[in-house]
N, C-alpha and C. Protein backbone atom coordinates (compact mmCIF):
# COMPACT_ATOMS: atom_id res chain seq x y z
N MET A 1 -82.17 -72.11 31.31
CA MET A 1 -81.64 -70.79 30.32
C MET A 1 -80.45 -69.93 31.34
N ARG A 2 -79.06 -69.75 30.36
CA ARG A 2 -78.34 -69.45 31.33
C ARG A 2 -78.61 -67.55 31.59
N ILE A 3 -77.70 -67.28 32.68
CA ILE A 3 -77.58 -65.81 32.72
C ILE A 3 -76.47 -65.08 32.36
N HIS A 4 -76.06 -64.37 31.64
CA HIS A 4 -75.02 -63.65 30.99
C HIS A 4 -74.95 -62.14 31.91
N VAL A 5 -73.59 -61.92 32.93
CA VAL A 5 -74.00 -60.68 33.26
C VAL A 5 -72.52 -59.79 32.71
N ARG A 6 -72.58 -58.40 32.81
CA ARG A 6 -71.16 -57.93 32.26
C ARG A 6 -70.49 -58.43 33.63
N PRO A 7 -69.32 -57.99 32.93
CA PRO A 7 -67.80 -58.15 34.04
C PRO A 7 -68.22 -56.72 35.04
N ALA A 8 -67.58 -57.25 35.73
CA ALA A 8 -67.52 -56.33 37.10
C ALA A 8 -66.52 -54.98 36.84
N LEU A 9 -66.82 -54.03 37.67
CA LEU A 9 -65.97 -52.90 37.18
C LEU A 9 -64.78 -52.90 37.59
N LEU A 10 -63.88 -52.97 37.03
CA LEU A 10 -62.39 -52.41 37.05
C LEU A 10 -62.08 -52.51 38.84
N LEU A 11 -62.74 -51.33 39.65
CA LEU A 11 -62.20 -50.94 40.98
C LEU A 11 -62.42 -52.06 41.79
N CYS A 12 -62.95 -53.01 41.76
CA CYS A 12 -63.29 -53.94 42.09
C CYS A 12 -61.67 -54.70 42.61
N SER A 13 -61.60 -55.39 41.89
CA SER A 13 -60.30 -55.81 41.99
C SER A 13 -58.52 -55.19 42.34
N LEU A 14 -59.18 -53.29 42.01
CA LEU A 14 -57.55 -52.90 42.50
C LEU A 14 -58.39 -52.95 44.00
N CYS A 15 -59.30 -52.58 44.16
CA CYS A 15 -59.79 -52.77 46.21
C CYS A 15 -59.55 -53.55 47.20
N THR A 16 -58.19 -53.54 47.78
CA THR A 16 -57.49 -54.30 48.27
C THR A 16 -56.60 -53.93 49.44
N LEU A 17 -57.39 -52.89 49.94
CA LEU A 17 -56.33 -52.46 51.43
C LEU A 17 -57.87 -51.76 52.05
N THR A 18 -57.98 -52.42 53.31
CA THR A 18 -58.33 -51.91 54.47
C THR A 18 -59.20 -50.52 54.15
N GLY A 19 -60.39 -50.36 54.32
CA GLY A 19 -60.69 -49.13 54.50
C GLY A 19 -61.21 -48.69 52.99
N CYS A 20 -61.07 -49.44 51.85
CA CYS A 20 -60.75 -48.96 50.41
C CYS A 20 -62.86 -49.13 50.76
N ALA A 21 -63.05 -48.43 49.61
CA ALA A 21 -64.73 -48.10 49.18
C ALA A 21 -64.99 -49.63 48.28
N SER A 22 -66.04 -50.12 48.47
CA SER A 22 -66.36 -51.43 47.36
C SER A 22 -67.18 -50.66 46.34
N ILE A 23 -66.99 -51.18 44.98
CA ILE A 23 -67.76 -50.66 44.01
C ILE A 23 -69.52 -50.63 44.35
N PHE A 24 -70.09 -51.54 45.10
CA PHE A 24 -71.28 -51.34 45.71
C PHE A 24 -71.64 -49.73 46.64
N GLY A 25 -70.62 -49.28 47.43
CA GLY A 25 -70.51 -47.97 48.00
C GLY A 25 -71.14 -49.18 49.08
N GLY A 26 -71.66 -48.23 50.44
CA GLY A 26 -72.49 -48.36 51.75
C GLY A 26 -70.89 -48.30 52.58
N GLY A 27 -70.09 -47.62 52.50
CA GLY A 27 -69.16 -47.41 53.37
C GLY A 27 -68.25 -48.39 53.43
N SER A 28 -67.04 -48.06 54.75
CA SER A 28 -65.80 -48.64 54.39
C SER A 28 -65.63 -49.87 54.12
N THR A 29 -64.62 -50.66 53.51
CA THR A 29 -64.30 -52.02 52.84
C THR A 29 -63.31 -52.66 53.79
N THR A 30 -63.44 -54.31 54.07
CA THR A 30 -62.21 -54.25 54.64
C THR A 30 -62.10 -56.14 54.11
N VAL A 31 -60.85 -56.22 53.86
CA VAL A 31 -60.28 -57.14 53.17
C VAL A 31 -58.98 -57.92 53.51
N ASP A 32 -59.44 -59.49 52.86
CA ASP A 32 -58.22 -60.35 53.46
C ASP A 32 -57.82 -61.10 52.12
N THR A 33 -56.30 -60.87 52.00
CA THR A 33 -55.99 -61.50 50.70
C THR A 33 -55.23 -62.92 50.96
N PHE A 34 -55.26 -63.39 52.40
CA PHE A 34 -54.87 -64.63 52.17
C PHE A 34 -53.41 -65.08 51.97
N GLY A 35 -52.48 -63.90 53.56
CA GLY A 35 -51.06 -64.38 53.60
C GLY A 35 -50.97 -66.19 54.15
N GLY A 36 -49.53 -66.06 54.18
CA GLY A 36 -49.29 -67.43 54.61
C GLY A 36 -49.53 -67.98 55.72
N ARG A 37 -50.37 -66.96 57.13
CA ARG A 37 -50.73 -66.88 58.13
C ARG A 37 -52.10 -66.72 58.37
N ALA A 38 -52.19 -66.93 57.11
CA ALA A 38 -54.50 -66.13 57.06
C ALA A 38 -54.90 -67.54 58.10
N LEU A 39 -54.97 -68.30 57.84
CA LEU A 39 -56.09 -68.97 58.89
C LEU A 39 -55.86 -68.75 60.13
N LEU A 40 -54.93 -68.51 60.60
CA LEU A 40 -55.16 -68.04 62.04
C LEU A 40 -56.40 -66.76 62.49
N ARG A 41 -57.00 -66.43 60.88
CA ARG A 41 -57.55 -64.96 61.56
C ARG A 41 -58.93 -65.63 61.88
N TYR A 42 -59.16 -66.84 61.57
CA TYR A 42 -60.71 -68.08 61.03
C TYR A 42 -60.58 -69.30 62.13
N THR A 43 -61.97 -69.17 62.34
CA THR A 43 -62.09 -70.59 63.03
C THR A 43 -63.32 -71.21 62.05
N ILE A 44 -62.75 -72.47 61.85
CA ILE A 44 -62.99 -73.45 61.12
C ILE A 44 -64.29 -74.46 61.88
N HIS A 45 -64.62 -74.63 61.26
CA HIS A 45 -65.99 -75.67 61.62
C HIS A 45 -66.26 -76.93 60.25
N ASN A 46 -65.96 -78.04 61.41
CA ASN A 46 -66.18 -79.15 59.80
C ASN A 46 -64.54 -79.46 59.01
N THR A 47 -64.25 -80.61 59.90
CA THR A 47 -63.13 -81.14 58.47
C THR A 47 -62.32 -79.78 58.83
N PRO A 48 -61.55 -78.69 59.58
CA PRO A 48 -60.50 -78.13 59.55
C PRO A 48 -59.18 -78.59 58.58
N ARG A 49 -58.62 -79.48 58.57
CA ARG A 49 -57.65 -80.33 57.52
C ARG A 49 -57.99 -79.83 56.49
N ALA A 50 -59.22 -79.96 56.12
CA ALA A 50 -59.28 -79.67 54.35
C ALA A 50 -58.93 -78.43 54.03
N TRP A 51 -58.79 -77.22 54.66
CA TRP A 51 -58.28 -75.87 54.06
C TRP A 51 -56.87 -75.69 54.35
N SER A 52 -56.20 -75.15 53.10
CA SER A 52 -54.86 -74.29 53.42
C SER A 52 -54.99 -73.06 52.46
N VAL A 53 -53.48 -72.77 52.84
CA VAL A 53 -53.77 -71.45 51.95
C VAL A 53 -52.33 -71.49 50.93
N ALA A 54 -52.54 -71.46 49.99
CA ALA A 54 -51.19 -71.51 48.78
C ALA A 54 -51.47 -70.28 48.08
N ASP A 55 -49.95 -70.21 47.42
CA ASP A 55 -50.15 -68.59 46.25
C ASP A 55 -51.05 -67.55 46.81
N GLY A 56 -51.10 -67.05 47.48
CA GLY A 56 -52.28 -66.20 47.97
C GLY A 56 -53.40 -66.44 47.83
N GLN A 57 -53.98 -67.98 47.37
CA GLN A 57 -55.63 -68.36 47.93
C GLN A 57 -55.59 -68.88 48.91
N LEU A 58 -57.00 -69.26 49.78
CA LEU A 58 -57.38 -70.15 50.51
C LEU A 58 -58.12 -71.13 49.63
N VAL A 59 -57.62 -72.04 50.16
CA VAL A 59 -57.77 -73.70 49.57
C VAL A 59 -58.92 -74.09 50.41
N GLY A 60 -60.30 -74.82 49.75
CA GLY A 60 -60.77 -75.91 50.07
C GLY A 60 -60.68 -77.25 49.38
N GLY A 61 -60.12 -78.13 50.21
CA GLY A 61 -59.67 -79.88 49.24
C GLY A 61 -60.90 -80.76 49.33
N THR A 62 -60.38 -81.57 49.09
CA THR A 62 -61.67 -83.14 48.69
C THR A 62 -61.92 -83.29 50.12
N GLY A 63 -61.24 -83.12 51.21
CA GLY A 63 -61.75 -83.58 52.32
C GLY A 63 -62.86 -82.91 53.46
N ALA A 64 -63.69 -82.09 52.60
CA ALA A 64 -64.28 -81.26 53.50
C ALA A 64 -65.24 -81.61 52.98
N VAL A 65 -66.11 -81.65 54.33
CA VAL A 65 -67.82 -81.68 54.48
C VAL A 65 -68.45 -80.65 54.99
N GLN A 66 -68.89 -79.68 54.43
CA GLN A 66 -70.16 -78.31 55.15
C GLN A 66 -69.01 -78.18 55.80
N SER A 67 -67.87 -77.74 55.78
CA SER A 67 -66.71 -76.92 56.17
C SER A 67 -66.81 -75.36 56.04
N VAL A 68 -67.00 -74.67 57.09
CA VAL A 68 -66.89 -73.34 57.06
C VAL A 68 -65.53 -72.28 57.73
N VAL A 69 -65.20 -71.73 57.20
CA VAL A 69 -63.98 -70.53 57.25
C VAL A 69 -64.64 -69.51 57.95
N ILE A 70 -64.93 -69.39 59.50
CA ILE A 70 -65.77 -67.75 59.97
C ILE A 70 -64.16 -66.68 60.21
N ARG A 71 -64.56 -65.55 59.89
CA ARG A 71 -63.18 -64.77 60.81
C ARG A 71 -63.84 -64.18 62.20
N THR A 72 -62.95 -64.90 62.93
CA THR A 72 -62.72 -65.07 64.30
C THR A 72 -63.08 -63.29 64.81
N GLY A 73 -63.77 -63.56 65.85
CA GLY A 73 -64.57 -62.05 66.59
C GLY A 73 -65.11 -61.01 65.86
N ALA A 74 -65.96 -61.29 64.55
CA ALA A 74 -66.22 -60.36 63.70
C ALA A 74 -67.68 -60.49 63.22
N THR A 75 -68.86 -59.81 63.74
CA THR A 75 -69.52 -60.25 62.95
C THR A 75 -70.21 -59.01 62.43
N LEU A 76 -71.57 -59.57 61.67
CA LEU A 76 -71.92 -58.32 60.23
C LEU A 76 -73.47 -58.76 60.80
N ALA A 77 -74.41 -57.37 60.89
CA ALA A 77 -76.27 -57.93 60.57
C ALA A 77 -76.08 -57.26 59.54
N ASP A 78 -76.66 -55.85 59.05
CA ASP A 78 -76.79 -55.54 58.02
C ASP A 78 -76.02 -55.71 57.43
N GLY A 79 -75.44 -56.37 56.41
CA GLY A 79 -73.89 -55.94 55.50
C GLY A 79 -73.62 -56.88 54.59
N TRP A 80 -72.32 -57.25 53.86
CA TRP A 80 -71.99 -58.32 53.08
C TRP A 80 -70.66 -58.65 53.58
N VAL A 81 -70.69 -59.92 52.23
CA VAL A 81 -69.35 -60.22 51.97
C VAL A 81 -69.61 -60.77 50.76
N GLU A 82 -67.62 -60.81 50.33
CA GLU A 82 -67.53 -60.94 49.01
C GLU A 82 -66.32 -61.86 48.38
N THR A 83 -66.03 -62.58 47.49
CA THR A 83 -64.84 -62.99 47.15
C THR A 83 -64.73 -63.14 45.59
N GLU A 84 -63.27 -63.32 45.20
CA GLU A 84 -63.04 -63.88 43.66
C GLU A 84 -62.54 -65.02 44.19
N THR A 85 -62.67 -65.54 42.81
CA THR A 85 -62.67 -67.05 42.60
C THR A 85 -62.95 -67.55 40.97
N ASP A 86 -61.55 -68.56 40.63
CA ASP A 86 -62.02 -68.74 39.56
C ASP A 86 -61.99 -70.02 39.28
N GLN A 87 -62.26 -70.84 40.43
CA GLN A 87 -62.75 -72.57 40.83
C GLN A 87 -63.38 -72.44 41.79
N ALA A 88 -64.68 -72.84 41.93
CA ALA A 88 -65.48 -73.47 43.30
C ALA A 88 -66.37 -74.40 42.15
N SER A 89 -66.10 -75.90 42.70
CA SER A 89 -66.74 -76.88 42.96
C SER A 89 -67.94 -77.25 43.79
N ASP A 90 -67.90 -76.60 45.17
CA ASP A 90 -69.00 -76.05 45.54
C ASP A 90 -68.36 -75.62 47.24
N GLY A 91 -68.19 -74.22 46.18
CA GLY A 91 -68.11 -73.36 47.18
C GLY A 91 -68.96 -73.04 47.86
N GLY A 92 -68.64 -71.50 48.64
CA GLY A 92 -69.53 -70.19 49.43
C GLY A 92 -69.35 -69.62 49.98
N LEU A 93 -70.41 -68.72 50.24
CA LEU A 93 -70.16 -67.51 50.69
C LEU A 93 -71.24 -67.75 52.41
N VAL A 94 -70.73 -67.15 53.51
CA VAL A 94 -71.83 -67.51 54.83
C VAL A 94 -71.88 -66.25 55.03
N LEU A 95 -73.25 -65.50 56.05
CA LEU A 95 -73.36 -64.68 56.76
C LEU A 95 -74.30 -65.45 57.79
N ARG A 96 -74.13 -64.10 58.67
CA ARG A 96 -74.74 -64.47 60.22
C ARG A 96 -74.87 -65.83 60.87
N HIS A 97 -73.15 -66.53 60.88
CA HIS A 97 -73.30 -67.17 60.87
C HIS A 97 -73.43 -67.42 62.72
N GLN A 98 -74.22 -68.64 63.47
CA GLN A 98 -74.55 -68.16 64.97
C GLN A 98 -73.47 -69.17 65.92
N GLY A 99 -72.86 -69.40 64.89
CA GLY A 99 -72.22 -71.03 65.66
C GLY A 99 -72.10 -72.37 64.88
N GLY A 100 -71.44 -73.03 64.88
CA GLY A 100 -71.78 -74.69 64.48
C GLY A 100 -72.58 -74.43 62.89
N GLY A 101 -73.42 -75.01 63.12
CA GLY A 101 -74.39 -75.89 62.12
C GLY A 101 -75.50 -74.51 61.64
N ASP A 102 -75.61 -73.54 61.67
CA ASP A 102 -76.72 -72.73 61.81
C ASP A 102 -76.16 -71.37 61.30
N TYR A 103 -76.38 -70.77 60.13
CA TYR A 103 -75.98 -69.97 58.87
C TYR A 103 -76.40 -69.70 57.83
N TYR A 104 -76.89 -68.33 57.27
CA TYR A 104 -77.19 -68.16 55.73
C TYR A 104 -76.06 -68.82 54.72
N LEU A 105 -76.47 -69.26 53.57
CA LEU A 105 -74.92 -70.10 52.66
C LEU A 105 -75.71 -69.49 51.41
N LEU A 106 -74.66 -68.99 50.50
CA LEU A 106 -74.87 -68.37 49.22
C LEU A 106 -73.71 -69.81 48.58
N ALA A 107 -74.11 -70.95 48.01
CA ALA A 107 -73.34 -71.72 47.63
C ALA A 107 -73.06 -71.35 46.26
N ILE A 108 -71.94 -71.73 45.96
CA ILE A 108 -71.14 -71.11 44.91
C ILE A 108 -70.67 -72.44 44.25
N ARG A 109 -71.08 -72.50 42.78
CA ARG A 109 -70.52 -73.56 42.16
C ARG A 109 -70.14 -73.02 40.85
N ASP A 110 -68.48 -73.75 40.01
CA ASP A 110 -68.66 -73.52 39.13
C ASP A 110 -69.37 -74.56 37.77
N ASP A 111 -69.06 -74.76 36.88
CA ASP A 111 -69.83 -75.29 35.68
C ASP A 111 -68.93 -76.50 35.53
N SER A 112 -67.92 -77.40 36.17
CA SER A 112 -66.96 -78.73 36.03
C SER A 112 -67.91 -79.73 36.51
N HIS A 113 -68.87 -79.21 37.71
CA HIS A 113 -69.80 -80.57 38.40
C HIS A 113 -71.18 -80.37 38.22
N TYR A 114 -71.76 -79.18 38.65
CA TYR A 114 -73.06 -78.72 39.42
C TYR A 114 -73.31 -77.60 38.64
N GLY A 115 -73.00 -77.46 37.05
CA GLY A 115 -73.62 -75.95 36.58
C GLY A 115 -74.69 -76.21 36.31
N TRP A 116 -76.07 -77.17 36.74
CA TRP A 116 -76.94 -76.56 36.84
C TRP A 116 -78.01 -75.76 37.93
N ALA A 117 -76.95 -75.15 38.95
CA ALA A 117 -77.30 -74.80 40.29
C ALA A 117 -75.84 -74.00 40.68
N ASN A 118 -75.19 -73.16 39.74
CA ASN A 118 -74.69 -72.77 40.06
C ASN A 118 -74.42 -71.55 41.25
N LEU A 119 -76.22 -71.15 41.69
CA LEU A 119 -76.08 -70.23 42.79
C LEU A 119 -77.63 -70.73 43.34
N GLU A 120 -77.16 -70.98 44.72
CA GLU A 120 -78.77 -71.27 45.11
C GLU A 120 -78.05 -70.82 46.97
N MET A 121 -79.45 -70.46 47.23
CA MET A 121 -78.97 -69.58 48.82
C MET A 121 -79.86 -70.59 50.02
N TYR A 122 -79.36 -71.14 50.98
CA TYR A 122 -79.79 -72.04 51.94
C TYR A 122 -80.19 -71.68 53.43
N ARG A 123 -80.73 -71.78 54.31
CA ARG A 123 -80.68 -71.87 55.92
C ARG A 123 -79.74 -72.41 55.99
N ALA A 124 -78.92 -72.79 57.11
CA ALA A 124 -78.40 -74.14 57.51
C ALA A 124 -79.34 -73.66 59.09
N ALA A 125 -79.29 -74.73 59.62
CA ALA A 125 -80.23 -75.08 60.91
C ALA A 125 -79.82 -76.31 61.50
N GLY A 126 -78.59 -76.68 62.47
CA GLY A 126 -78.38 -77.58 62.96
C GLY A 126 -78.24 -79.12 62.24
N GLY A 127 -77.01 -77.81 60.96
CA GLY A 127 -76.63 -78.66 60.02
C GLY A 127 -77.37 -79.52 58.68
N GLN A 128 -78.62 -78.85 59.16
CA GLN A 128 -79.79 -79.13 58.10
C GLN A 128 -79.86 -77.75 56.88
N PHE A 129 -80.12 -77.87 55.67
CA PHE A 129 -80.18 -77.32 55.10
C PHE A 129 -81.83 -76.95 53.92
N GLU A 130 -82.06 -75.66 54.05
CA GLU A 130 -83.37 -75.46 53.96
C GLU A 130 -83.24 -74.21 52.75
N ARG A 131 -83.47 -75.03 51.74
CA ARG A 131 -83.19 -74.25 50.00
C ARG A 131 -84.16 -72.40 51.10
N ILE A 132 -83.54 -71.05 50.28
CA ILE A 132 -84.56 -69.89 50.43
C ILE A 132 -84.49 -69.59 48.62
N ALA A 133 -83.67 -69.47 47.95
CA ALA A 133 -83.64 -68.98 46.91
C ALA A 133 -83.52 -70.03 46.02
N GLY A 134 -82.98 -70.70 44.79
CA GLY A 134 -83.03 -70.91 43.55
C GLY A 134 -83.25 -72.44 43.64
N PRO A 135 -82.51 -73.46 42.61
CA PRO A 135 -81.55 -72.63 41.94
C PRO A 135 -80.81 -72.17 40.65
N LEU A 136 -79.75 -71.35 40.33
CA LEU A 136 -79.75 -70.80 39.44
C LEU A 136 -78.53 -71.12 38.73
N ASP A 137 -79.16 -70.98 37.50
CA ASP A 137 -78.31 -71.56 36.34
C ASP A 137 -77.55 -70.26 35.51
N VAL A 138 -75.66 -70.35 36.14
CA VAL A 138 -75.27 -68.70 34.87
C VAL A 138 -74.09 -69.50 34.06
N ALA A 139 -73.31 -68.76 33.77
CA ALA A 139 -72.23 -69.17 32.68
C ALA A 139 -70.76 -69.05 34.09
N PHE A 140 -70.46 -70.19 34.52
CA PHE A 140 -69.00 -69.89 35.24
C PHE A 140 -68.42 -70.74 34.78
N THR A 141 -67.92 -71.03 33.87
CA THR A 141 -66.87 -71.75 33.58
C THR A 141 -65.46 -72.11 34.14
N ARG A 142 -65.24 -72.74 34.55
CA ARG A 142 -63.80 -73.02 35.59
C ARG A 142 -63.03 -72.57 35.08
N GLY A 143 -62.30 -71.57 35.60
CA GLY A 143 -60.70 -70.88 35.30
C GLY A 143 -61.55 -69.56 34.74
N ASP A 144 -62.51 -69.18 35.19
CA ASP A 144 -63.07 -67.84 34.31
C ASP A 144 -62.96 -66.62 36.05
N ARG A 145 -62.35 -66.10 36.08
CA ARG A 145 -61.98 -65.24 37.78
C ARG A 145 -63.68 -64.56 37.48
N LYS A 146 -64.27 -64.67 38.74
CA LYS A 146 -65.87 -63.97 39.19
C LYS A 146 -65.34 -63.54 40.11
N THR A 147 -66.48 -62.61 40.47
CA THR A 147 -66.70 -61.86 41.83
C THR A 147 -67.96 -61.49 42.27
N PHE A 148 -68.09 -62.69 43.36
CA PHE A 148 -69.45 -63.07 43.96
C PHE A 148 -69.51 -62.52 45.74
N ARG A 149 -70.89 -61.49 45.44
CA ARG A 149 -70.95 -60.95 46.90
C ARG A 149 -72.42 -61.43 47.44
N PHE A 150 -72.37 -61.96 48.94
CA PHE A 150 -74.12 -61.75 49.58
C PHE A 150 -73.68 -60.97 50.69
N GLU A 151 -75.48 -60.87 50.15
CA GLU A 151 -75.54 -59.75 51.43
C GLU A 151 -76.98 -59.72 52.13
N ALA A 152 -76.72 -59.35 52.90
CA ALA A 152 -78.42 -59.39 53.91
C ALA A 152 -78.71 -57.91 54.58
N ARG A 153 -79.72 -57.42 54.56
CA ARG A 153 -80.43 -56.18 54.79
C ARG A 153 -81.72 -56.62 55.25
N GLY A 154 -82.05 -56.65 56.92
CA GLY A 154 -83.24 -56.84 57.48
C GLY A 154 -83.44 -58.40 57.35
N THR A 155 -84.73 -58.75 56.50
CA THR A 155 -85.01 -60.47 55.56
C THR A 155 -84.43 -60.35 54.53
N THR A 156 -83.76 -59.41 54.00
CA THR A 156 -83.91 -59.81 52.51
C THR A 156 -82.06 -59.82 52.08
N LEU A 157 -81.84 -61.31 51.80
CA LEU A 157 -80.43 -61.42 51.09
C LEU A 157 -80.56 -61.36 49.35
N THR A 158 -79.85 -61.01 49.42
CA THR A 158 -79.06 -60.76 47.68
C THR A 158 -77.82 -61.32 47.51
N ALA A 159 -77.85 -61.92 46.10
CA ALA A 159 -76.38 -62.33 45.61
C ALA A 159 -76.23 -61.48 44.64
N TYR A 160 -74.65 -61.23 44.10
CA TYR A 160 -74.24 -60.85 42.91
C TYR A 160 -72.97 -61.32 42.06
N MET A 161 -73.46 -61.49 40.89
CA MET A 161 -71.98 -61.80 40.62
C MET A 161 -71.89 -60.84 39.30
N ASP A 162 -70.43 -60.61 39.71
CA ASP A 162 -70.01 -59.65 38.68
C ASP A 162 -70.29 -58.25 38.60
N GLY A 163 -70.87 -57.91 40.01
CA GLY A 163 -71.79 -56.61 40.14
C GLY A 163 -73.32 -56.87 39.59
N GLU A 164 -73.47 -57.86 39.68
CA GLU A 164 -74.86 -57.51 38.86
C GLU A 164 -75.65 -58.35 40.14
N PRO A 165 -77.05 -57.75 40.65
CA PRO A 165 -78.00 -58.70 41.27
C PRO A 165 -78.36 -60.07 40.44
N VAL A 166 -78.28 -60.82 40.74
CA VAL A 166 -78.93 -62.42 40.01
C VAL A 166 -79.63 -63.34 40.85
N LEU A 167 -79.76 -63.08 42.36
CA LEU A 167 -81.09 -63.66 42.95
C LEU A 167 -81.13 -63.22 44.37
N ARG A 168 -82.71 -63.64 44.60
CA ARG A 168 -82.92 -63.09 45.93
C ARG A 168 -83.79 -63.57 46.66
N GLY A 169 -83.62 -63.65 48.28
CA GLY A 169 -84.71 -64.73 48.76
C GLY A 169 -84.90 -64.01 49.96
N SER A 170 -85.45 -63.98 51.18
CA SER A 170 -86.44 -63.76 52.10
C SER A 170 -86.30 -64.45 53.51
N ASP A 171 -85.58 -64.41 54.11
CA ASP A 171 -86.08 -65.39 55.78
C ASP A 171 -85.92 -64.31 57.04
N ASP A 172 -86.47 -65.07 58.14
CA ASP A 172 -85.93 -63.74 59.21
C ASP A 172 -85.66 -64.77 60.67
N ALA A 173 -84.84 -65.62 60.10
CA ALA A 173 -84.05 -66.94 61.15
C ALA A 173 -82.94 -66.09 62.42
N TYR A 174 -82.64 -65.76 61.48
CA TYR A 174 -80.82 -64.91 61.81
C TYR A 174 -80.73 -63.53 61.96
N GLU A 175 -80.64 -62.58 62.74
CA GLU A 175 -80.58 -61.23 62.60
C GLU A 175 -78.80 -60.41 62.57
N SER A 176 -77.93 -61.15 63.09
CA SER A 176 -76.49 -60.69 63.05
C SER A 176 -75.82 -62.23 62.85
N GLY A 177 -74.38 -62.21 63.04
CA GLY A 177 -73.46 -63.24 62.60
C GLY A 177 -72.25 -63.27 62.26
N GLY A 178 -71.61 -64.29 62.52
CA GLY A 178 -70.54 -64.27 61.78
C GLY A 178 -70.71 -64.51 60.34
N PHE A 179 -69.17 -64.57 59.64
CA PHE A 179 -69.39 -64.32 58.23
C PHE A 179 -67.77 -64.93 57.91
N GLY A 180 -67.84 -65.62 56.48
CA GLY A 180 -66.40 -66.29 56.25
C GLY A 180 -67.28 -67.10 54.70
N LEU A 181 -66.18 -67.98 54.80
CA LEU A 181 -66.46 -68.83 53.56
C LEU A 181 -66.85 -70.43 53.60
N ARG A 182 -67.02 -71.15 52.40
CA ARG A 182 -67.38 -72.62 52.84
C ARG A 182 -67.13 -73.28 51.58
N HIS A 183 -66.58 -74.55 51.25
CA HIS A 183 -66.29 -75.49 50.59
C HIS A 183 -66.89 -76.90 51.01
N ASP A 184 -67.54 -77.69 50.03
CA ASP A 184 -68.36 -79.35 50.79
C ASP A 184 -67.69 -80.29 49.58
N ASN A 185 -67.19 -81.34 50.31
CA ASN A 185 -67.13 -82.42 49.44
C ASN A 185 -67.73 -83.90 50.17
N THR A 186 -68.94 -83.31 50.53
CA THR A 186 -69.64 -84.38 51.38
C THR A 186 -69.82 -85.87 50.72
N HIS A 187 -69.72 -85.64 49.28
CA HIS A 187 -70.58 -86.87 48.84
C HIS A 187 -69.00 -87.74 48.41
N LYS A 188 -68.35 -86.84 48.68
CA LYS A 188 -66.43 -87.78 48.41
C LYS A 188 -66.34 -87.32 46.74
N GLY A 189 -66.40 -86.63 45.90
CA GLY A 189 -66.53 -87.19 44.49
C GLY A 189 -64.78 -86.41 43.81
N PRO A 190 -63.98 -87.49 43.25
CA PRO A 190 -62.88 -86.83 42.93
C PRO A 190 -62.95 -85.88 42.14
N GLY A 191 -62.15 -84.58 42.67
CA GLY A 191 -62.06 -83.08 42.25
C GLY A 191 -62.02 -82.25 42.46
N ILE A 192 -63.30 -82.05 43.81
CA ILE A 192 -63.71 -81.29 44.02
C ILE A 192 -63.77 -80.00 45.34
N THR A 193 -63.12 -79.11 44.65
CA THR A 193 -61.80 -78.02 44.99
C THR A 193 -62.89 -77.07 45.38
N SER A 194 -62.19 -76.02 45.69
CA SER A 194 -62.43 -74.78 45.89
C SER A 194 -61.42 -74.00 46.47
N ARG A 195 -60.87 -72.67 45.16
CA ARG A 195 -59.79 -71.88 45.58
C ARG A 195 -60.63 -70.45 45.49
N PHE A 196 -59.78 -69.23 46.51
CA PHE A 196 -60.82 -68.46 46.77
C PHE A 196 -59.60 -67.57 46.96
N ASP A 197 -59.50 -66.06 46.26
CA ASP A 197 -58.63 -65.17 46.21
C ASP A 197 -58.71 -64.02 47.28
N LEU A 198 -59.34 -64.26 47.58
CA LEU A 198 -59.85 -63.18 49.20
C LEU A 198 -60.87 -63.19 49.73
N LEU A 199 -61.03 -62.50 50.69
CA LEU A 199 -62.55 -62.35 51.42
C LEU A 199 -62.31 -60.29 51.40
N ARG A 200 -63.47 -60.04 51.10
CA ARG A 200 -64.12 -58.39 51.42
C ARG A 200 -65.39 -58.17 52.02
N TRP A 201 -64.98 -57.35 53.54
CA TRP A 201 -66.74 -57.44 53.61
C TRP A 201 -66.81 -55.75 54.14
N GLY A 202 -68.91 -55.72 54.47
CA GLY A 202 -68.28 -54.51 54.82
C GLY A 202 -70.02 -54.56 55.23
N SER A 203 -70.41 -53.13 55.90
CA SER A 203 -71.90 -53.04 56.70
C SER A 203 -72.51 -51.85 55.98
N PHE A 204 -73.31 -51.90 56.43
CA PHE A 204 -74.34 -51.08 56.21
C PHE A 204 -74.73 -49.94 56.64
């Protein structure tokens, strides 16, 4: 059964400056809107050539194999990461990245290829993935802009879509770490791409 959530508050799309408060509250917010040299601020693990920046968007291409883009020199313990996207064949948000293949993942997929599993939470350990929560089928038509947030408070992980909590799980493997975005086309399918308008984050 599909879950429909009400649109995000307008303030979410207007919050584009460092220090601007998120619609969720919880202190200051930092945002990267992906200017031309944005990738210099990130460390890419796996298939770095799959990523590019075009027209103010971070784009994950068909060559990605579980590729993650992690903000260099920044970590979160209890905090959140958020993106806006209208196209995510097999994208995602990353929290508590330990380095390499160890992190928490919120997989984000529009309806173009994996519509039965739009949202799933995983613990990645050594490049192997164990599902924590999901899959969840929500309405995410390719071309419709959505806001997704992935947050961690202690051992509780929560996913939001357009301001509404839609998926929750629990895990105690990682207490803090890096954060960023993910794209995957391990199975080499045609047209498996993702694009992200921004990366926004904050701590509690």
